[in-house]
Amino acid sequence: MNEQDDIRAMATRFFDAIEQGDIETMQNSFTPDAAIWHNTDELIVTPAQTAQTLTGMVARIKDREYADRRLTTFPGGFVQQHVLKGRRVHDDGPVRLPCAIICEVENGRITRLDEYFDSAHVAEFRKFANA
């Protein structure tokens, strides 16, 4: 395998793990000091904070699917566009989150992830977060 193939395989494992609720595999896809940035709050968070957020999402959203994946690799990273779909556990309501993710990768692990999505869609994911 060449670097591009390795990056493509790692990116696929990363998103498959989140779909399956495998937070450990998702978190292990990052370097310990990785930076995860969100366009909606412009904050940089850690892999542990991301794992906590996704643990909550997995508990609230069932039938998770990264649909319409468009994965493009480049030397040292990848870009993926997708629509995260699922159903809220609380009321079975459908949710969808169009998103673009840009990642820098070193030695098979993500060192930086930049996430771009519309915050209005996130509100539907979090609708019953405190219920």
N, C-alpha and C. Protein backbone atom coordinates (compact mmCIF):
# COMPACT_ATOMS: atom_id res chain seq x y z
N MET A 1 0.83 -1.19 0.00
CA MET A 1 0.00 0.00 0.00
C MET A 1 0.87 1.26 0.00
N ASN A 2 0.42 2.27 -0.69
CA ASN A 2 1.13 3.53 -0.63
C ASN A 2 0.46 4.46 0.39
N GLU A 3 1.03 5.63 0.60
CA GLU A 3 0.50 6.54 1.62
C GLU A 3 -0.96 6.88 1.39
N GLN A 4 -1.34 7.15 0.15
CA GLN A 4 -2.72 7.51 -0.15
C GLN A 4 -3.69 6.37 0.19
N ASP A 5 -3.30 5.15 -0.10
CA ASP A 5 -4.13 3.99 0.23
C ASP A 5 -4.26 3.83 1.75
N ASP A 6 -3.14 4.03 2.45
CA ASP A 6 -3.16 3.94 3.92
C ASP A 6 -4.08 5.00 4.53
N ILE A 7 -3.99 6.21 4.00
CA ILE A 7 -4.83 7.30 4.51
C ILE A 7 -6.30 7.01 4.22
N ARG A 8 -6.60 6.53 3.02
CA ARG A 8 -7.98 6.19 2.66
C ARG A 8 -8.53 5.10 3.59
N ALA A 9 -7.73 4.08 3.86
CA ALA A 9 -8.17 2.99 4.75
C ALA A 9 -8.39 3.51 6.17
N MET A 10 -7.49 4.36 6.66
CA MET A 10 -7.63 4.91 8.00
C MET A 10 -8.88 5.79 8.10
N ALA A 11 -9.12 6.63 7.11
CA ALA A 11 -10.30 7.50 7.12
C ALA A 11 -11.59 6.67 7.12
N THR A 12 -11.61 5.62 6.33
CA THR A 12 -12.79 4.75 6.28
C THR A 12 -13.02 4.09 7.64
N ARG A 13 -11.95 3.58 8.27
CA ARG A 13 -12.08 2.97 9.61
C ARG A 13 -12.59 3.99 10.62
N PHE A 14 -12.10 5.21 10.55
CA PHE A 14 -12.48 6.29 11.48
C PHE A 14 -13.99 6.54 11.42
N PHE A 15 -14.52 6.77 10.23
CA PHE A 15 -15.95 7.07 10.10
C PHE A 15 -16.81 5.83 10.33
N ASP A 16 -16.34 4.66 9.92
CA ASP A 16 -17.07 3.42 10.21
C ASP A 16 -17.19 3.21 11.71
N ALA A 17 -16.12 3.52 12.45
CA ALA A 17 -16.14 3.35 13.91
C ALA A 17 -17.21 4.23 14.55
N ILE A 18 -17.32 5.47 14.10
CA ILE A 18 -18.34 6.36 14.67
C ILE A 18 -19.73 5.85 14.33
N GLU A 19 -19.93 5.42 13.11
CA GLU A 19 -21.23 4.83 12.73
C GLU A 19 -21.61 3.70 13.68
N GLN A 20 -20.63 2.87 14.01
CA GLN A 20 -20.87 1.68 14.83
C GLN A 20 -20.87 1.98 16.33
N GLY A 21 -20.59 3.23 16.71
CA GLY A 21 -20.54 3.59 18.12
C GLY A 21 -19.26 3.15 18.80
N ASP A 22 -18.21 2.87 18.03
CA ASP A 22 -16.93 2.41 18.56
C ASP A 22 -16.05 3.63 18.85
N ILE A 23 -16.29 4.24 19.99
CA ILE A 23 -15.60 5.48 20.37
C ILE A 23 -14.11 5.23 20.60
N GLU A 24 -13.75 4.07 21.10
CA GLU A 24 -12.34 3.77 21.36
C GLU A 24 -11.53 3.79 20.06
N THR A 25 -12.04 3.12 19.02
CA THR A 25 -11.34 3.12 17.73
C THR A 25 -11.27 4.53 17.16
N MET A 26 -12.37 5.28 17.27
CA MET A 26 -12.38 6.66 16.80
C MET A 26 -11.29 7.46 17.51
N GLN A 27 -11.25 7.39 18.84
CA GLN A 27 -10.29 8.17 19.61
C GLN A 27 -8.85 7.74 19.31
N ASN A 28 -8.63 6.45 19.11
CA ASN A 28 -7.29 5.95 18.79
C ASN A 28 -6.83 6.32 17.39
N SER A 29 -7.73 6.87 16.58
CA SER A 29 -7.35 7.34 15.25
C SER A 29 -6.60 8.66 15.31
N PHE A 30 -6.65 9.32 16.46
CA PHE A 30 -5.97 10.60 16.66
C PHE A 30 -4.63 10.39 17.36
N THR A 31 -3.69 11.30 17.13
CA THR A 31 -2.51 11.37 17.98
C THR A 31 -2.97 11.95 19.32
N PRO A 32 -2.26 11.68 20.41
CA PRO A 32 -2.70 12.19 21.72
C PRO A 32 -2.84 13.72 21.77
N ASP A 33 -2.01 14.43 20.98
CA ASP A 33 -2.05 15.89 21.01
C ASP A 33 -2.79 16.49 19.81
N ALA A 34 -3.62 15.70 19.16
CA ALA A 34 -4.35 16.18 17.99
C ALA A 34 -5.25 17.37 18.35
N ALA A 35 -5.44 18.23 17.38
CA ALA A 35 -6.31 19.40 17.52
C ALA A 35 -7.56 19.18 16.66
N ILE A 36 -8.74 19.34 17.27
CA ILE A 36 -10.00 19.18 16.56
C ILE A 36 -10.72 20.52 16.63
N TRP A 37 -10.96 21.12 15.46
CA TRP A 37 -11.54 22.46 15.37
C TRP A 37 -12.92 22.37 14.73
N HIS A 38 -13.88 23.14 15.27
CA HIS A 38 -15.24 23.20 14.72
C HIS A 38 -15.52 24.62 14.23
N ASN A 39 -16.07 24.75 13.06
CA ASN A 39 -16.38 26.08 12.54
C ASN A 39 -17.49 26.77 13.35
N THR A 40 -18.35 26.02 14.00
CA THR A 40 -19.50 26.63 14.67
C THR A 40 -19.14 27.38 15.94
N ASP A 41 -18.08 26.94 16.64
CA ASP A 41 -17.67 27.66 17.85
C ASP A 41 -16.23 28.15 17.78
N GLU A 42 -15.52 27.75 16.72
CA GLU A 42 -14.14 28.14 16.48
C GLU A 42 -13.20 27.77 17.62
N LEU A 43 -13.57 26.73 18.37
CA LEU A 43 -12.73 26.23 19.45
C LEU A 43 -11.93 25.03 18.98
N ILE A 44 -10.77 24.85 19.58
CA ILE A 44 -9.98 23.64 19.35
C ILE A 44 -10.14 22.76 20.57
N VAL A 45 -10.53 21.51 20.35
CA VAL A 45 -10.73 20.56 21.44
C VAL A 45 -9.79 19.37 21.26
N THR A 46 -9.72 18.56 22.28
CA THR A 46 -8.83 17.40 22.31
C THR A 46 -9.55 16.14 21.83
N PRO A 47 -8.80 15.09 21.55
CA PRO A 47 -9.44 13.81 21.24
C PRO A 47 -10.34 13.32 22.38
N ALA A 48 -9.95 13.53 23.63
CA ALA A 48 -10.78 13.10 24.76
C ALA A 48 -12.10 13.87 24.80
N GLN A 49 -12.05 15.16 24.53
CA GLN A 49 -13.29 15.96 24.50
C GLN A 49 -14.18 15.53 23.33
N THR A 50 -13.56 15.23 22.21
CA THR A 50 -14.32 14.75 21.05
C THR A 50 -14.97 13.41 21.36
N ALA A 51 -14.25 12.53 22.04
CA ALA A 51 -14.81 11.23 22.43
C ALA A 51 -16.01 11.42 23.35
N GLN A 52 -15.94 12.37 24.26
CA GLN A 52 -17.06 12.64 25.17
C GLN A 52 -18.28 13.13 24.38
N THR A 53 -18.05 14.05 23.45
CA THR A 53 -19.14 14.57 22.62
C THR A 53 -19.78 13.45 21.80
N LEU A 54 -18.94 12.63 21.18
CA LEU A 54 -19.48 11.56 20.33
C LEU A 54 -20.13 10.46 21.14
N THR A 55 -19.69 10.22 22.37
CA THR A 55 -20.36 9.26 23.24
C THR A 55 -21.80 9.72 23.49
N GLY A 56 -21.98 11.01 23.73
CA GLY A 56 -23.32 11.56 23.91
C GLY A 56 -24.15 11.44 22.64
N MET A 57 -23.54 11.71 21.50
CA MET A 57 -24.27 11.60 20.24
C MET A 57 -24.69 10.16 19.98
N VAL A 58 -23.81 9.22 20.24
CA VAL A 58 -24.12 7.80 20.03
C VAL A 58 -25.29 7.37 20.94
N ALA A 59 -25.34 7.91 22.15
CA ALA A 59 -26.43 7.57 23.08
C ALA A 59 -27.76 8.17 22.62
N ARG A 60 -27.72 9.29 21.92
CA ARG A 60 -28.95 9.98 21.52
C ARG A 60 -29.42 9.68 20.11
N ILE A 61 -28.48 9.24 19.24
CA ILE A 61 -28.80 9.06 17.82
C ILE A 61 -28.56 7.60 17.43
N LYS A 62 -29.59 6.96 16.93
CA LYS A 62 -29.48 5.57 16.47
C LYS A 62 -29.44 5.54 14.94
N ASP A 63 -29.16 4.37 14.41
CA ASP A 63 -29.12 4.17 12.95
C ASP A 63 -28.21 5.19 12.26
N ARG A 64 -27.06 5.45 12.89
CA ARG A 64 -26.12 6.42 12.34
C ARG A 64 -25.55 5.92 11.02
N GLU A 65 -25.45 6.85 10.05
CA GLU A 65 -24.87 6.51 8.76
C GLU A 65 -24.17 7.74 8.20
N TYR A 66 -22.94 7.56 7.76
CA TYR A 66 -22.25 8.60 7.00
C TYR A 66 -22.58 8.33 5.54
N ALA A 67 -23.62 8.99 5.05
CA ALA A 67 -24.11 8.76 3.69
C ALA A 67 -23.40 9.70 2.71
N ASP A 68 -23.44 9.31 1.47
CA ASP A 68 -22.90 10.13 0.38
C ASP A 68 -21.45 10.54 0.65
N ARG A 69 -20.66 9.59 1.14
CA ARG A 69 -19.25 9.89 1.43
C ARG A 69 -18.50 10.21 0.14
N ARG A 70 -17.79 11.32 0.18
CA ARG A 70 -16.90 11.70 -0.91
C ARG A 70 -15.54 11.95 -0.29
N LEU A 71 -14.70 10.94 -0.34
CA LEU A 71 -13.39 10.97 0.31
C LEU A 71 -12.30 11.22 -0.73
N THR A 72 -11.51 12.25 -0.48
CA THR A 72 -10.38 12.59 -1.34
C THR A 72 -9.14 12.64 -0.47
N THR A 73 -8.11 11.91 -0.87
CA THR A 73 -6.86 11.93 -0.12
C THR A 73 -5.88 12.86 -0.82
N PHE A 74 -4.93 13.33 -0.06
CA PHE A 74 -3.83 14.14 -0.58
C PHE A 74 -2.61 13.81 0.27
N PRO A 75 -1.41 14.15 -0.17
CA PRO A 75 -0.23 13.85 0.64
C PRO A 75 -0.37 14.46 2.04
N GLY A 76 -0.39 13.60 3.06
CA GLY A 76 -0.49 14.07 4.43
C GLY A 76 -1.89 14.29 4.96
N GLY A 77 -2.92 13.79 4.24
CA GLY A 77 -4.26 13.97 4.79
C GLY A 77 -5.39 13.60 3.86
N PHE A 78 -6.59 14.05 4.24
CA PHE A 78 -7.78 13.76 3.45
C PHE A 78 -8.87 14.80 3.71
N VAL A 79 -9.80 14.84 2.78
CA VAL A 79 -11.02 15.63 2.90
C VAL A 79 -12.17 14.67 2.68
N GLN A 80 -13.18 14.77 3.54
CA GLN A 80 -14.39 13.98 3.30
C GLN A 80 -15.60 14.89 3.43
N GLN A 81 -16.48 14.80 2.44
CA GLN A 81 -17.80 15.41 2.52
C GLN A 81 -18.78 14.26 2.70
N HIS A 82 -19.79 14.48 3.53
CA HIS A 82 -20.78 13.44 3.78
C HIS A 82 -22.03 14.07 4.39
N VAL A 83 -23.04 13.25 4.55
CA VAL A 83 -24.23 13.63 5.30
C VAL A 83 -24.38 12.60 6.41
N LEU A 84 -24.23 13.06 7.65
CA LEU A 84 -24.46 12.17 8.80
C LEU A 84 -25.96 12.10 9.03
N LYS A 85 -26.48 10.89 8.91
CA LYS A 85 -27.92 10.66 9.09
C LYS A 85 -28.14 9.77 10.29
N GLY A 86 -29.32 9.86 10.86
CA GLY A 86 -29.70 8.99 11.96
C GLY A 86 -31.11 9.30 12.41
N ARG A 87 -31.47 8.70 13.57
CA ARG A 87 -32.79 8.93 14.16
C ARG A 87 -32.59 9.17 15.65
N ARG A 88 -33.26 10.19 16.18
CA ARG A 88 -33.17 10.46 17.61
C ARG A 88 -33.82 9.33 18.39
N VAL A 89 -33.14 8.87 19.43
CA VAL A 89 -33.66 7.81 20.29
C VAL A 89 -34.94 8.29 20.98
N HIS A 90 -34.95 9.55 21.41
CA HIS A 90 -36.04 10.09 22.23
C HIS A 90 -37.40 10.06 21.52
N ASP A 91 -37.41 10.46 20.23
CA ASP A 91 -38.69 10.56 19.53
C ASP A 91 -38.69 9.93 18.14
N ASP A 92 -37.61 9.21 17.79
CA ASP A 92 -37.44 8.55 16.50
C ASP A 92 -37.41 9.54 15.34
N GLY A 93 -37.21 10.83 15.64
CA GLY A 93 -37.16 11.85 14.59
C GLY A 93 -35.90 11.73 13.76
N PRO A 94 -36.02 11.89 12.44
CA PRO A 94 -34.85 11.81 11.58
C PRO A 94 -33.97 13.06 11.72
N VAL A 95 -32.67 12.86 11.62
CA VAL A 95 -31.72 13.97 11.63
C VAL A 95 -30.73 13.78 10.49
N ARG A 96 -30.19 14.90 10.04
CA ARG A 96 -29.16 14.87 8.98
C ARG A 96 -28.25 16.06 9.18
N LEU A 97 -26.98 15.84 8.91
CA LEU A 97 -25.97 16.88 9.11
C LEU A 97 -24.98 16.85 7.94
N PRO A 98 -25.18 17.72 6.93
CA PRO A 98 -24.19 17.81 5.87
C PRO A 98 -22.90 18.38 6.46
N CYS A 99 -21.78 17.82 6.06
CA CYS A 99 -20.53 18.17 6.72
C CYS A 99 -19.35 18.01 5.76
N ALA A 100 -18.31 18.78 6.03
CA ALA A 100 -17.02 18.61 5.37
C ALA A 100 -15.96 18.53 6.46
N ILE A 101 -15.08 17.55 6.34
CA ILE A 101 -14.01 17.32 7.31
C ILE A 101 -12.68 17.35 6.55
N ILE A 102 -11.74 18.10 7.07
CA ILE A 102 -10.39 18.12 6.52
C ILE A 102 -9.45 17.63 7.62
N CYS A 103 -8.63 16.64 7.30
CA CYS A 103 -7.72 16.07 8.30
C CYS A 103 -6.29 16.05 7.79
N GLU A 104 -5.39 16.35 8.72
CA GLU A 104 -3.97 16.14 8.50
C GLU A 104 -3.61 14.83 9.19
N VAL A 105 -2.79 14.03 8.53
CA VAL A 105 -2.46 12.69 9.01
C VAL A 105 -0.95 12.50 9.00
N GLU A 106 -0.43 11.96 10.10
CA GLU A 106 0.98 11.58 10.18
C GLU A 106 1.07 10.18 10.77
N ASN A 107 1.86 9.33 10.15
CA ASN A 107 2.06 7.96 10.63
C ASN A 107 0.75 7.24 10.92
N GLY A 108 -0.22 7.42 10.04
CA GLY A 108 -1.48 6.70 10.15
C GLY A 108 -2.46 7.21 11.18
N ARG A 109 -2.20 8.38 11.76
CA ARG A 109 -3.12 8.93 12.77
C ARG A 109 -3.39 10.41 12.47
N ILE A 110 -4.56 10.86 12.86
CA ILE A 110 -4.98 12.24 12.61
C ILE A 110 -4.31 13.16 13.62
N THR A 111 -3.65 14.20 13.10
CA THR A 111 -3.02 15.21 13.95
C THR A 111 -3.87 16.47 14.07
N ARG A 112 -4.68 16.72 13.07
CA ARG A 112 -5.59 17.86 13.09
C ARG A 112 -6.83 17.52 12.28
N LEU A 113 -7.99 17.90 12.82
CA LEU A 113 -9.27 17.71 12.14
C LEU A 113 -9.99 19.04 12.17
N ASP A 114 -10.40 19.53 11.01
CA ASP A 114 -11.21 20.74 10.88
C ASP A 114 -12.58 20.32 10.36
N GLU A 115 -13.61 20.69 11.11
CA GLU A 115 -14.98 20.24 10.81
C GLU A 115 -15.84 21.44 10.45
N TYR A 116 -16.53 21.34 9.32
CA TYR A 116 -17.39 22.41 8.83
C TYR A 116 -18.81 21.89 8.66
N PHE A 117 -19.76 22.51 9.37
CA PHE A 117 -21.17 22.16 9.21
C PHE A 117 -22.04 23.32 9.63
N ASP A 118 -23.32 23.24 9.28
CA ASP A 118 -24.31 24.26 9.61
C ASP A 118 -24.85 23.99 11.00
N SER A 119 -24.72 24.97 11.88
CA SER A 119 -25.14 24.78 13.28
C SER A 119 -26.64 24.52 13.41
N ALA A 120 -27.45 24.96 12.46
CA ALA A 120 -28.90 24.70 12.53
C ALA A 120 -29.19 23.20 12.51
N HIS A 121 -28.42 22.45 11.76
CA HIS A 121 -28.60 21.00 11.71
C HIS A 121 -28.20 20.36 13.04
N VAL A 122 -27.19 20.89 13.70
CA VAL A 122 -26.73 20.35 14.98
C VAL A 122 -27.84 20.47 16.03
N ALA A 123 -28.60 21.53 15.98
CA ALA A 123 -29.69 21.74 16.95
C ALA A 123 -30.66 20.55 16.93
N GLU A 124 -30.90 19.97 15.77
CA GLU A 124 -31.79 18.81 15.68
C GLU A 124 -31.16 17.57 16.33
N PHE A 125 -29.85 17.43 16.20
CA PHE A 125 -29.15 16.32 16.85
C PHE A 125 -29.22 16.46 18.37
N ARG A 126 -29.17 17.68 18.87
CA ARG A 126 -29.09 17.93 20.30
C ARG A 126 -30.46 18.24 20.91
N LYS A 127 -31.52 18.12 20.16
CA LYS A 127 -32.86 18.54 20.57
C LYS A 127 -33.24 18.00 21.96
N PHE A 128 -32.96 16.76 22.23
CA PHE A 128 -33.32 16.16 23.53
C PHE A 128 -32.08 15.81 24.35
N ALA A 129 -30.99 16.53 24.13
CA ALA A 129 -29.74 16.21 24.81
C ALA A 129 -29.85 16.28 26.32
N ASN A 130 -30.69 17.14 26.83
CA ASN A 130 -30.82 17.29 28.28
C ASN A 130 -32.12 16.70 28.82
N ALA A 131 -32.79 15.92 27.98
CA ALA A 131 -34.08 15.33 28.41
C ALA A 131 -33.87 14.09 29.24
